[in-house]
Amino acid sequence: MLEKMGAMRNAYGEALVELGANNQKVVVLGADTTDSMKSGMFGQKYPERFFNLGIAEQNLVGVAAGLAFGGKVAFAGTYAIFVPGKCVDQIRNMLCYADLDVKLVCSHAGITVGPDGGSHEQVEDLALMRAVPHMRVVVPADAVAVKGIIKGIAEIPGPFYVRITRGVIKGSNTPIVYENGFEYKLGKANVVMDGGSDVALFACGIMVPEAMRAAESLGKKGVKASVIDVHTVKPIDQETVVKYAKLCGASVSAEEHNVIGGMGSAVAEVLTDQYPIPLKRVGVNDTFGESGEAQELLNKYGLTAAHIEEAAQQAIAMKRR
């Protein structure tokens, strides 16, 4: 299970090239990270629709807004620490207030940026973007999902924030979850392991394969776990969250993000409003990251299959009280 690997950034570049061939309205913008983001692949093919604006992230958002206002479908991206990190004002008042067709696709999120250090490890972005009206927030689990999501949101008007990961394995790769393909449906979670009724594991991004490994380990111990990929954090799939809450009676959320304000908080909001059950949240516990090798940081900050498994056992124990 999860033996194949792929790079999310490469998938992003490839998806843009394919979009560019089929949709003349697609334009791509970058902020001096187009080589790293692989969006430069689009620029090599369609230079007249490609804009590298340099290290000027707020201007990046403003120019993307202007192009969208003129009828373009604008894909703009850089590292997550810079967008949304430096640009909440522009995102709120230029993109979202006007409900413009700008897709912010940002890489190097979470603590797996590793050697870049705590100042560049973005663990607040989902909370920031969830809170802005009109913004949709999506976190792909693998490279296949990135392609499906980029193609899917190009057909959906309005602003999106898509969070992709630099990579954990051999510098830029992450495990492939969707070997049989991925079709994006706005606000519809994917049940990647319909394993049973003891505990529901809600995950997003690189924590989806970790949740799958945790479910497999739990199964060997007689615990039946289902894994749900909550790739769209906003609008969250309330129907699926409630369905598995009722089925399992205990739950875990897992994300490479602060436990405050991210996907786990979104799940907690649904459960509180509609079907309260025990929920244990696995994520960064309201702290900054630090410099280090990616896997070592995931271990230190509790973002592994073993930590998800431990949280699942705790949630199950809570429902039996």
C-alpha atoms as a PDB file:
ATOM      1  CA  MET A   1       0.000   0.000   0.000  1.00  0.00           C
ATOM      2  CA  LEU A   2       1.196   3.533  -0.857  1.00  0.00           C
ATOM      3  CA  GLU A   3       4.357   2.374  -2.613  1.00  0.00           C
ATOM      4  CA  LYS A   4       4.119   4.720  -5.600  1.00  0.00           C
ATOM      5  CA  MET A   5       5.350   8.301  -5.267  1.00  0.00           C
ATOM      6  CA  GLY A   6       4.749  11.560  -7.093  1.00  0.00           C
ATOM      7  CA  ALA A   7       5.587  15.265  -6.815  1.00  0.00           C
ATOM      8  CA  MET A   8       2.680  17.645  -6.265  1.00  0.00           C
ATOM      9  CA  ARG A   9       4.494  20.600  -7.815  1.00  0.00           C
ATOM     10  CA  ASN A  10       5.206  18.692 -11.023  1.00  0.00           C
ATOM     11  CA  ALA A  11       1.547  17.730 -11.199  1.00  0.00           C
ATOM     12  CA  TYR A  12       0.607  21.393 -10.814  1.00  0.00           C
ATOM     13  CA  GLY A  13       2.814  22.426 -13.728  1.00  0.00           C
ATOM     14  CA  GLU A  14       1.539  19.608 -15.928  1.00  0.00           C
ATOM     15  CA  ALA A  15      -2.089  20.455 -15.143  1.00  0.00           C
ATOM     16  CA  LEU A  16      -1.533  24.100 -16.061  1.00  0.00           C
ATOM     17  CA  VAL A  17      -0.047  23.135 -19.424  1.00  0.00           C
ATOM     18  CA  GLU A  18      -3.050  20.923 -20.164  1.00  0.00           C
ATOM     19  CA  LEU A  19      -5.443  23.677 -19.118  1.00  0.00           C
ATOM     20  CA  GLY A  20      -3.646  26.193 -21.286  1.00  0.00           C
ATOM     21  CA  ALA A  21      -4.213  24.085 -24.380  1.00  0.00           C
ATOM     22  CA  ASN A  22      -7.943  23.824 -23.777  1.00  0.00           C
ATOM     23  CA  ASN A  23      -8.830  27.184 -22.261  1.00  0.00           C
ATOM     24  CA  GLN A  24      -7.460  30.406 -23.741  1.00  0.00           C
ATOM     25  CA  LYS A  25      -8.694  32.358 -20.714  1.00  0.00           C
ATOM     26  CA  VAL A  26      -6.237  30.656 -18.377  1.00  0.00           C
ATOM     27  CA  VAL A  27      -3.328  32.846 -17.289  1.00  0.00           C
ATOM     28  CA  VAL A  28      -0.594  31.947 -14.807  1.00  0.00           C
ATOM     29  CA  LEU A  29       1.272  34.248 -12.432  1.00  0.00           C
ATOM     30  CA  GLY A  30       4.241  33.730 -10.137  1.00  0.00           C
ATOM     31  CA  ALA A  31       6.417  35.606  -7.676  1.00  0.00           C
ATOM     32  CA  ASP A  32      10.001  34.589  -8.481  1.00  0.00           C
ATOM     33  CA  THR A  33       9.297  30.959  -7.527  1.00  0.00           C
ATOM     34  CA  THR A  34       7.992  29.751 -10.881  1.00  0.00           C
ATOM     35  CA  ASP A  35      10.848  27.271 -11.341  1.00  0.00           C
ATOM     36  CA  SER A  36      10.305  25.771  -7.918  1.00  0.00           C
ATOM     37  CA  MET A  37       6.513  25.785  -8.285  1.00  0.00           C
ATOM     38  CA  LYS A  38       6.828  24.273 -11.789  1.00  0.00           C
ATOM     39  CA  SER A  39       4.381  26.867 -13.086  1.00  0.00           C
ATOM     40  CA  GLY A  40       7.190  27.885 -15.426  1.00  0.00           C
ATOM     41  CA  MET A  41       6.198  24.853 -17.513  1.00  0.00           C
ATOM     42  CA  PHE A  42       3.144  26.870 -18.553  1.00  0.00           C
ATOM     43  CA  GLY A  43       5.334  29.881 -19.323  1.00  0.00           C
ATOM     44  CA  GLN A  44       7.543  27.870 -21.664  1.00  0.00           C
ATOM     45  CA  LYS A  45       4.470  26.752 -23.609  1.00  0.00           C
ATOM     46  CA  TYR A  46       2.356  29.916 -23.437  1.00  0.00           C
ATOM     47  CA  PRO A  47       4.689  32.867 -22.684  1.00  0.00           C
ATOM     48  CA  GLU A  48       2.076  35.449 -23.681  1.00  0.00           C
ATOM     49  CA  ARG A  49      -0.164  34.251 -20.825  1.00  0.00           C
ATOM     50  CA  PHE A  50       2.525  33.920 -18.178  1.00  0.00           C
ATOM     51  CA  PHE A  51       3.611  36.646 -15.744  1.00  0.00           C
ATOM     52  CA  ASN A  52       6.510  36.413 -13.281  1.00  0.00           C
ATOM     53  CA  LEU A  53       6.149  39.457 -11.060  1.00  0.00           C
ATOM     54  CA  GLY A  54       9.207  38.963  -8.906  1.00  0.00           C
ATOM     55  CA  ILE A  55       9.366  39.061  -5.125  1.00  0.00           C
ATOM     56  CA  ALA A  56       6.209  41.161  -4.796  1.00  0.00           C
ATOM     57  CA  GLU A  57       3.493  38.911  -3.440  1.00  0.00           C
ATOM     58  CA  GLN A  58       0.893  41.587  -2.716  1.00  0.00           C
ATOM     59  CA  ASN A  59       1.302  42.834  -6.274  1.00  0.00           C
ATOM     60  CA  LEU A  60       0.929  39.236  -7.462  1.00  0.00           C
ATOM     61  CA  VAL A  61      -2.522  39.075  -5.900  1.00  0.00           C
ATOM     62  CA  GLY A  62      -3.453  42.516  -7.233  1.00  0.00           C
ATOM     63  CA  VAL A  63      -2.423  41.742 -10.811  1.00  0.00           C
ATOM     64  CA  ALA A  64      -4.236  38.396 -10.651  1.00  0.00           C
ATOM     65  CA  ALA A  65      -7.353  40.254  -9.504  1.00  0.00           C
ATOM     66  CA  GLY A  66      -7.054  42.681 -12.409  1.00  0.00           C
ATOM     67  CA  LEU A  67      -6.705  39.896 -14.949  1.00  0.00           C
ATOM     68  CA  ALA A  68      -9.699  38.081 -13.465  1.00  0.00           C
ATOM     69  CA  PHE A  69     -11.709  41.303 -13.539  1.00  0.00           C
ATOM     70  CA  GLY A  70     -10.902  41.416 -17.254  1.00  0.00           C
ATOM     71  CA  GLY A  71     -12.352  37.956 -17.799  1.00  0.00           C
ATOM     72  CA  LYS A  72      -9.339  35.695 -17.310  1.00  0.00           C
ATOM     73  CA  VAL A  73      -9.045  32.588 -15.142  1.00  0.00           C
ATOM     74  CA  ALA A  74      -5.985  33.492 -13.112  1.00  0.00           C
ATOM     75  CA  PHE A  75      -3.785  30.895 -11.401  1.00  0.00           C
ATOM     76  CA  ALA A  76      -1.369  32.653  -9.047  1.00  0.00           C
ATOM     77  CA  GLY A  77       1.026  30.996  -6.688  1.00  0.00           C
ATOM     78  CA  THR A  78       4.190  30.987  -4.657  1.00  0.00           C
ATOM     79  CA  TYR A  79       5.139  29.610  -1.240  1.00  0.00           C
ATOM     80  CA  ALA A  80       2.391  29.477   1.380  1.00  0.00           C
ATOM     81  CA  ILE A  81       4.379  31.535   3.878  1.00  0.00           C
ATOM     82  CA  PHE A  82       4.160  34.476   1.443  1.00  0.00           C
ATOM     83  CA  VAL A  83       0.645  33.863   0.076  1.00  0.00           C
ATOM     84  CA  PRO A  84      -1.510  34.035   2.067  1.00  0.00           C
ATOM     85  CA  GLY A  85       1.092  35.003   4.665  1.00  0.00           C
ATOM     86  CA  LYS A  86       1.737  38.545   3.439  1.00  0.00           C
ATOM     87  CA  CYS A  87      -1.460  39.133   1.487  1.00  0.00           C
ATOM     88  CA  VAL A  88      -4.578  38.689   3.610  1.00  0.00           C
ATOM     89  CA  ASP A  89      -5.684  42.274   2.944  1.00  0.00           C
ATOM     90  CA  GLN A  90      -5.367  41.916  -0.832  1.00  0.00           C
ATOM     91  CA  ILE A  91      -6.997  38.478  -0.808  1.00  0.00           C
ATOM     92  CA  ARG A  92      -9.923  39.713   1.257  1.00  0.00           C
ATOM     93  CA  ASN A  93     -10.590  43.057  -0.402  1.00  0.00           C
ATOM     94  CA  MET A  94      -9.510  42.415  -3.997  1.00  0.00           C
ATOM     95  CA  LEU A  95     -10.289  38.756  -4.637  1.00  0.00           C
ATOM     96  CA  CYS A  96     -12.979  37.637  -2.259  1.00  0.00           C
ATOM     97  CA  TYR A  97     -14.987  40.819  -1.746  1.00  0.00           C
ATOM     98  CA  ALA A  98     -15.429  40.992  -5.519  1.00  0.00           C
ATOM     99  CA  ASP A  99     -15.698  37.178  -5.833  1.00  0.00           C
ATOM    100  CA  LEU A 100     -13.099  37.111  -8.614  1.00  0.00           C
ATOM    101  CA  ASP A 101     -11.946  34.058 -10.544  1.00  0.00           C
ATOM    102  CA  VAL A 102      -8.476  33.760  -9.013  1.00  0.00           C
ATOM    103  CA  LYS A 103      -7.003  30.434  -7.963  1.00  0.00           C
ATOM    104  CA  LEU A 104      -4.228  30.799  -5.381  1.00  0.00           C
ATOM    105  CA  VAL A 105      -2.114  27.648  -5.520  1.00  0.00           C
ATOM    106  CA  CYS A 106       0.644  27.682  -2.923  1.00  0.00           C
ATOM    107  CA  SER A 107       3.384  25.201  -2.134  1.00  0.00           C
ATOM    108  CA  HIS A 108       5.834  24.640   0.747  1.00  0.00           C
ATOM    109  CA  ALA A 109       3.086  24.638   3.372  1.00  0.00           C
ATOM    110  CA  GLY A 110       3.348  22.988   6.768  1.00  0.00           C
ATOM    111  CA  ILE A 111       6.444  21.878   8.668  1.00  0.00           C
ATOM    112  CA  THR A 112       7.793  19.638   5.892  1.00  0.00           C
ATOM    113  CA  VAL A 113       9.604  22.655   4.428  1.00  0.00           C
ATOM    114  CA  GLY A 114      12.136  21.428   6.976  1.00  0.00           C
ATOM    115  CA  PRO A 115      15.505  23.151   6.545  1.00  0.00           C
ATOM    116  CA  ASP A 116      13.802  26.473   5.712  1.00  0.00           C
ATOM    117  CA  GLY A 117      13.051  26.778   9.426  1.00  0.00           C
ATOM    118  CA  GLY A 118      10.185  27.911  11.605  1.00  0.00           C
ATOM    119  CA  SER A 119       9.883  31.350  10.003  1.00  0.00           C
ATOM    120  CA  HIS A 120       8.982  29.701   6.682  1.00  0.00           C
ATOM    121  CA  GLU A 121       6.833  26.820   7.934  1.00  0.00           C
ATOM    122  CA  GLN A 122       3.267  27.939   7.324  1.00  0.00           C
ATOM    123  CA  VAL A 123       0.809  26.300   9.730  1.00  0.00           C
ATOM    124  CA  GLU A 124      -1.849  29.033   9.878  1.00  0.00           C
ATOM    125  CA  ASP A 125      -2.938  29.342   6.240  1.00  0.00           C
ATOM    126  CA  LEU A 126      -6.042  27.150   6.352  1.00  0.00           C
ATOM    127  CA  ALA A 127      -7.364  29.083   9.338  1.00  0.00           C
ATOM    128  CA  LEU A 128      -6.703  32.392   7.586  1.00  0.00           C
ATOM    129  CA  MET A 129      -8.366  31.377   4.328  1.00  0.00           C
ATOM    130  CA  ARG A 130     -11.319  29.549   5.913  1.00  0.00           C
ATOM    131  CA  ALA A 131     -12.361  32.748   7.654  1.00  0.00           C
ATOM    132  CA  VAL A 132     -12.617  34.869   4.487  1.00  0.00           C
ATOM    133  CA  PRO A 133     -16.089  34.871   2.853  1.00  0.00           C
ATOM    134  CA  HIS A 134     -16.309  33.439  -0.698  1.00  0.00           C
ATOM    135  CA  MET A 135     -12.937  31.675  -0.426  1.00  0.00           C
ATOM    136  CA  ARG A 136     -12.901  27.906  -1.048  1.00  0.00           C
ATOM    137  CA  VAL A 137     -10.047  25.980   0.602  1.00  0.00           C
ATOM    138  CA  VAL A 138      -8.642  22.731  -0.841  1.00  0.00           C
ATOM    139  CA  VAL A 139      -5.788  20.474   0.343  1.00  0.00           C
ATOM    140  CA  PRO A 140      -4.808  17.705  -2.131  1.00  0.00           C
ATOM    141  CA  ALA A 141      -3.577  14.389  -0.732  1.00  0.00           C
ATOM    142  CA  ASP A 142      -1.220  13.519  -3.594  1.00  0.00           C
ATOM    143  CA  ALA A 143       0.012  14.451  -7.067  1.00  0.00           C
ATOM    144  CA  VAL A 144      -2.928  12.758  -8.788  1.00  0.00           C
ATOM    145  CA  ALA A 145      -5.372  14.777  -6.706  1.00  0.00           C
ATOM    146  CA  VAL A 146      -3.483  17.978  -7.530  1.00  0.00           C
ATOM    147  CA  LYS A 147      -4.085  17.429 -11.241  1.00  0.00           C
ATOM    148  CA  GLY A 148      -7.753  16.632 -10.743  1.00  0.00           C
ATOM    149  CA  ILE A 149      -8.296  19.594  -8.455  1.00  0.00           C
ATOM    150  CA  ILE A 150      -6.517  22.132 -10.680  1.00  0.00           C
ATOM    151  CA  LYS A 151      -8.538  21.023 -13.685  1.00  0.00           C
ATOM    152  CA  GLY A 152     -11.745  20.941 -11.652  1.00  0.00           C
ATOM    153  CA  ILE A 153     -11.510  24.390 -10.077  1.00  0.00           C
ATOM    154  CA  ALA A 154     -10.711  25.966 -13.449  1.00  0.00           C
ATOM    155  CA  GLU A 155     -14.348  25.282 -14.322  1.00  0.00           C
ATOM    156  CA  ILE A 156     -15.753  26.682 -11.056  1.00  0.00           C
ATOM    157  CA  PRO A 157     -16.000  30.495 -10.916  1.00  0.00           C
ATOM    158  CA  GLY A 158     -14.660  32.367  -7.919  1.00  0.00           C
ATOM    159  CA  PRO A 159     -11.638  32.343  -5.620  1.00  0.00           C
ATOM    160  CA  PHE A 160      -9.864  29.204  -4.375  1.00  0.00           C
ATOM    161  CA  TYR A 161      -6.908  28.563  -2.109  1.00  0.00           C
ATOM    162  CA  VAL A 162      -5.141  25.286  -2.917  1.00  0.00           C
ATOM    163  CA  ARG A 163      -2.421  24.133  -0.512  1.00  0.00           C
ATOM    164  CA  ILE A 164       0.213  21.748  -1.835  1.00  0.00           C
ATOM    165  CA  THR A 165       3.257  20.239  -0.164  1.00  0.00           C
ATOM    166  CA  ARG A 166       6.882  20.554  -1.142  1.00  0.00           C
ATOM    167  CA  GLY A 167       7.363  16.830  -0.545  1.00  0.00           C
ATOM    168  CA  VAL A 168       8.559  14.431   2.112  1.00  0.00           C
ATOM    169  CA  ILE A 169      10.252  11.557   0.266  1.00  0.00           C
ATOM    170  CA  LYS A 170      13.518  12.163  -1.626  1.00  0.00           C
ATOM    171  CA  GLY A 171      13.091  15.912  -1.614  1.00  0.00           C
ATOM    172  CA  SER A 172       9.822  16.411  -3.460  1.00  0.00           C
ATOM    173  CA  ASN A 173       7.697  13.253  -3.505  1.00  0.00           C
ATOM    174  CA  THR A 174       4.659  12.147  -1.533  1.00  0.00           C
ATOM    175  CA  PRO A 175       2.831   8.794  -1.586  1.00  0.00           C
ATOM    176  CA  ILE A 176       0.204   8.251  -4.271  1.00  0.00           C
ATOM    177  CA  VAL A 177      -3.220   7.692  -2.727  1.00  0.00           C
ATOM    178  CA  TYR A 178      -5.282   7.821  -5.928  1.00  0.00           C
ATOM    179  CA  GLU A 179      -3.664   5.286  -8.233  1.00  0.00           C
ATOM    180  CA  ASN A 180      -6.949   4.914 -10.135  1.00  0.00           C
ATOM    181  CA  GLY A 181      -7.398   8.625 -10.754  1.00  0.00           C
ATOM    182  CA  PHE A 182      -9.156  11.524  -9.071  1.00  0.00           C
ATOM    183  CA  GLU A 183     -12.185  13.547 -10.153  1.00  0.00           C
ATOM    184  CA  TYR A 184     -12.745  16.720  -8.167  1.00  0.00           C
ATOM    185  CA  LYS A 185     -16.200  17.522  -6.828  1.00  0.00           C
ATOM    186  CA  LEU A 186     -16.530  20.749  -4.874  1.00  0.00           C
ATOM    187  CA  GLY A 187     -17.250  20.085  -1.223  1.00  0.00           C
ATOM    188  CA  LYS A 188     -17.385  16.296  -1.578  1.00  0.00           C
ATOM    189  CA  ALA A 189     -14.955  14.306   0.575  1.00  0.00           C
ATOM    190  CA  ASN A 190     -13.561  10.960  -0.574  1.00  0.00           C
ATOM    191  CA  VAL A 191     -13.798   7.822   1.532  1.00  0.00           C
ATOM    192  CA  VAL A 192     -10.429   6.217   0.742  1.00  0.00           C
ATOM    193  CA  MET A 193     -10.796   3.331   3.209  1.00  0.00           C
ATOM    194  CA  ASP A 194     -14.288   2.208   4.189  1.00  0.00           C
ATOM    195  CA  GLY A 195     -12.853   0.028   6.915  1.00  0.00           C
ATOM    196  CA  GLY A 196     -15.483  -0.184   9.575  1.00  0.00           C
ATOM    197  CA  SER A 197     -17.436   1.338  12.403  1.00  0.00           C
ATOM    198  CA  ASP A 198     -15.074   1.799  15.376  1.00  0.00           C
ATOM    199  CA  VAL A 199     -13.466   5.124  14.465  1.00  0.00           C
ATOM    200  CA  ALA A 200     -13.512   7.650  11.596  1.00  0.00           C
ATOM    201  CA  LEU A 201     -10.164   9.140  10.585  1.00  0.00           C
ATOM    202  CA  PHE A 202     -10.650  12.503   8.860  1.00  0.00           C
ATOM    203  CA  ALA A 203      -7.459  13.674   7.136  1.00  0.00           C
ATOM    204  CA  CYS A 204      -6.193  16.070   4.484  1.00  0.00           C
ATOM    205  CA  GLY A 205      -2.985  16.581   2.550  1.00  0.00           C
ATOM    206  CA  ILE A 206      -0.007  14.399   3.387  1.00  0.00           C
ATOM    207  CA  MET A 207      -1.799  13.145   6.490  1.00  0.00           C
ATOM    208  CA  VAL A 208      -4.164  11.068   4.329  1.00  0.00           C
ATOM    209  CA  PRO A 209      -1.566   8.340   3.653  1.00  0.00           C
ATOM    210  CA  GLU A 210      -0.579   8.477   7.328  1.00  0.00           C
ATOM    211  CA  ALA A 211      -4.217   7.925   8.293  1.00  0.00           C
ATOM    212  CA  MET A 212      -4.393   4.998   5.876  1.00  0.00           C
ATOM    213  CA  ARG A 213      -1.336   3.428   7.503  1.00  0.00           C
ATOM    214  CA  ALA A 214      -2.872   3.994  10.928  1.00  0.00           C
ATOM    215  CA  ALA A 215      -6.104   2.323   9.817  1.00  0.00           C
ATOM    216  CA  GLU A 216      -4.191  -0.665   8.492  1.00  0.00           C
ATOM    217  CA  SER A 217      -2.315  -1.027  11.797  1.00  0.00           C
ATOM    218  CA  LEU A 218      -5.515  -0.639  13.807  1.00  0.00           C
ATOM    219  CA  GLY A 219      -7.138  -3.336  11.678  1.00  0.00           C
ATOM    220  CA  LYS A 220      -4.440  -5.794  12.667  1.00  0.00           C
ATOM    221  CA  LYS A 221      -5.427  -5.129  16.287  1.00  0.00           C
ATOM    222  CA  GLY A 222      -9.115  -5.685  15.687  1.00  0.00           C
ATOM    223  CA  VAL A 223     -10.082  -2.009  15.434  1.00  0.00           C
ATOM    224  CA  LYS A 224     -12.189  -1.091  12.414  1.00  0.00           C
ATOM    225  CA  ALA A 225     -11.277   2.329  11.052  1.00  0.00           C
ATOM    226  CA  SER A 226     -12.566   4.287   8.074  1.00  0.00           C
ATOM    227  CA  VAL A 227     -10.434   6.982   6.402  1.00  0.00           C
ATOM    228  CA  ILE A 228     -11.988  10.056   4.839  1.00  0.00           C
ATOM    229  CA  ASP A 229      -9.960  12.467   2.703  1.00  0.00           C
ATOM    230  CA  VAL A 230     -11.401  15.898   3.525  1.00  0.00           C
ATOM    231  CA  HIS A 231      -9.631  17.540   0.607  1.00  0.00           C
ATOM    232  CA  THR A 232     -12.100  20.420   0.526  1.00  0.00           C
ATOM    233  CA  VAL A 233     -11.851  22.039   3.943  1.00  0.00           C
ATOM    234  CA  LYS A 234     -14.269  24.780   2.874  1.00  0.00           C
ATOM    235  CA  PRO A 235     -17.014  24.103   1.994  1.00  0.00           C
ATOM    236  CA  ILE A 236     -16.631  20.965   4.090  1.00  0.00           C
ATOM    237  CA  ASP A 237     -18.667  17.870   3.251  1.00  0.00           C
ATOM    238  CA  GLN A 238     -21.046  17.975   6.209  1.00  0.00           C
ATOM    239  CA  GLU A 239     -23.066  15.023   4.962  1.00  0.00           C
ATOM    240  CA  THR A 240     -20.088  12.655   4.934  1.00  0.00           C
ATOM    241  CA  VAL A 241     -18.744  13.908   8.271  1.00  0.00           C
ATOM    242  CA  VAL A 242     -22.102  13.296   9.938  1.00  0.00           C
ATOM    243  CA  LYS A 243     -22.571   9.938   8.207  1.00  0.00           C
ATOM    244  CA  TYR A 244     -19.296   8.575   9.593  1.00  0.00           C
ATOM    245  CA  ALA A 245     -19.862  10.195  12.965  1.00  0.00           C
ATOM    246  CA  LYS A 246     -23.096   8.230  13.257  1.00  0.00           C
ATOM    247  CA  LEU A 247     -21.486   5.062  11.943  1.00  0.00           C
ATOM    248  CA  CYS A 248     -18.380   5.145  14.146  1.00  0.00           C
ATOM    249  CA  GLY A 249     -19.195   7.184  17.248  1.00  0.00           C
ATOM    250  CA  ALA A 250     -15.546   8.292  17.580  1.00  0.00           C
ATOM    251  CA  SER A 251     -13.267  10.324  15.334  1.00  0.00           C
ATOM    252  CA  VAL A 252      -9.798  11.713  14.698  1.00  0.00           C
ATOM    253  CA  SER A 253      -8.714  14.624  12.519  1.00  0.00           C
ATOM    254  CA  ALA A 254      -5.187  14.733  11.089  1.00  0.00           C
ATOM    255  CA  GLU A 255      -3.559  17.661   9.290  1.00  0.00           C
ATOM    256  CA  GLU A 256      -0.164  19.293   8.780  1.00  0.00           C
ATOM    257  CA  HIS A 257      -1.482  22.530  10.250  1.00  0.00           C
ATOM    258  CA  ASN A 258      -2.163  24.165  13.566  1.00  0.00           C
ATOM    259  CA  VAL A 259      -4.912  22.308  15.429  1.00  0.00           C
ATOM    260  CA  ILE A 260      -6.543  25.734  15.822  1.00  0.00           C
ATOM    261  CA  GLY A 261      -8.629  26.835  12.858  1.00  0.00           C
ATOM    262  CA  GLY A 262      -7.810  24.161  10.297  1.00  0.00           C
ATOM    263  CA  MET A 263      -9.537  21.065   8.975  1.00  0.00           C
ATOM    264  CA  GLY A 264      -9.939  19.577  12.459  1.00  0.00           C
ATOM    265  CA  SER A 265     -11.696  22.710  13.605  1.00  0.00           C
ATOM    266  CA  ALA A 266     -13.995  22.509  10.580  1.00  0.00           C
ATOM    267  CA  VAL A 267     -14.864  18.897  11.456  1.00  0.00           C
ATOM    268  CA  ALA A 268     -15.421  19.880  15.101  1.00  0.00           C
ATOM    269  CA  GLU A 269     -17.826  22.625  14.018  1.00  0.00           C
ATOM    270  CA  VAL A 270     -19.898  20.143  12.035  1.00  0.00           C
ATOM    271  CA  LEU A 271     -19.942  17.605  14.853  1.00  0.00           C
ATOM    272  CA  THR A 272     -20.844  20.208  17.475  1.00  0.00           C
ATOM    273  CA  ASP A 273     -23.750  21.490  15.401  1.00  0.00           C
ATOM    274  CA  GLN A 274     -25.125  18.202  14.103  1.00  0.00           C
ATOM    275  CA  TYR A 275     -23.869  15.055  15.851  1.00  0.00           C
ATOM    276  CA  PRO A 276     -21.477  15.462  18.806  1.00  0.00           C
ATOM    277  CA  ILE A 277     -19.044  12.570  19.263  1.00  0.00           C
ATOM    278  CA  PRO A 278     -15.493  12.331  20.655  1.00  0.00           C
ATOM    279  CA  LEU A 279     -12.909  13.954  18.360  1.00  0.00           C
ATOM    280  CA  LYS A 280      -9.153  13.866  18.896  1.00  0.00           C
ATOM    281  CA  ARG A 281      -7.206  16.342  16.768  1.00  0.00           C
ATOM    282  CA  VAL A 282      -3.753  15.477  15.406  1.00  0.00           C
ATOM    283  CA  GLY A 283      -1.785  18.459  14.164  1.00  0.00           C
ATOM    284  CA  VAL A 284       0.702  21.114  15.185  1.00  0.00           C
ATOM    285  CA  ASN A 285      -0.189  22.089  18.733  1.00  0.00           C
ATOM    286  CA  ASP A 286      -0.229  25.891  18.472  1.00  0.00           C
ATOM    287  CA  THR A 287       3.505  26.331  18.066  1.00  0.00           C
ATOM    288  CA  PHE A 288       5.966  27.376  15.399  1.00  0.00           C
ATOM    289  CA  GLY A 289       8.100  24.851  13.565  1.00  0.00           C
ATOM    290  CA  GLU A 290      11.869  24.653  13.478  1.00  0.00           C
ATOM    291  CA  SER A 291      14.667  23.749  11.120  1.00  0.00           C
ATOM    292  CA  GLY A 292      15.189  20.053  10.505  1.00  0.00           C
ATOM    293  CA  GLU A 293      14.694  17.122   8.157  1.00  0.00           C
ATOM    294  CA  ALA A 294      11.054  16.732   7.166  1.00  0.00           C
ATOM    295  CA  GLN A 295      10.435  13.254   8.550  1.00  0.00           C
ATOM    296  CA  GLU A 296      12.176  14.100  11.811  1.00  0.00           C
ATOM    297  CA  LEU A 297       9.905  17.111  12.223  1.00  0.00           C
ATOM    298  CA  LEU A 298       6.797  15.041  11.502  1.00  0.00           C
ATOM    299  CA  ASN A 299       7.896  12.632  14.217  1.00  0.00           C
ATOM    300  CA  LYS A 300       8.678  15.386  16.717  1.00  0.00           C
ATOM    301  CA  TYR A 301       5.444  17.291  16.160  1.00  0.00           C
ATOM    302  CA  GLY A 302       3.271  14.177  16.293  1.00  0.00           C
ATOM    303  CA  LEU A 303       2.211  13.973  12.642  1.00  0.00           C
ATOM    304  CA  THR A 304       2.621  10.256  11.915  1.00  0.00           C
ATOM    305  CA  ALA A 305       0.513   7.133  11.555  1.00  0.00           C
ATOM    306  CA  ALA A 306       1.535   6.085  15.077  1.00  0.00           C
ATOM    307  CA  HIS A 307       0.198   9.330  16.538  1.00  0.00           C
ATOM    308  CA  ILE A 308      -3.057   8.979  14.600  1.00  0.00           C
ATOM    309  CA  GLU A 309      -3.410   5.410  15.872  1.00  0.00           C
ATOM    310  CA  GLU A 310      -2.865   6.557  19.449  1.00  0.00           C
ATOM    311  CA  ALA A 311      -5.448   9.314  19.023  1.00  0.00           C
ATOM    312  CA  ALA A 312      -7.916   6.799  17.590  1.00  0.00           C
ATOM    313  CA  GLN A 313      -7.558   4.564  20.648  1.00  0.00           C
ATOM    314  CA  GLN A 314      -8.144   7.566  22.891  1.00  0.00           C
ATOM    315  CA  ALA A 315     -11.272   8.605  20.955  1.00  0.00           C
ATOM    316  CA  ILE A 316     -12.664   5.061  21.118  1.00  0.00           C
ATOM    317  CA  ALA A 317     -12.060   4.968  24.879  1.00  0.00           C
ATOM    318  CA  MET A 318     -13.915   8.259  25.266  1.00  0.00           C
ATOM    319  CA  LYS A 319     -17.039   6.970  23.531  1.00  0.00           C
ATOM    320  CA  ARG A 320     -17.152   3.985  25.876  1.00  0.00           C
ATOM    321  CA  ARG A 321     -17.326   6.132  29.012  1.00  0.00           C
END
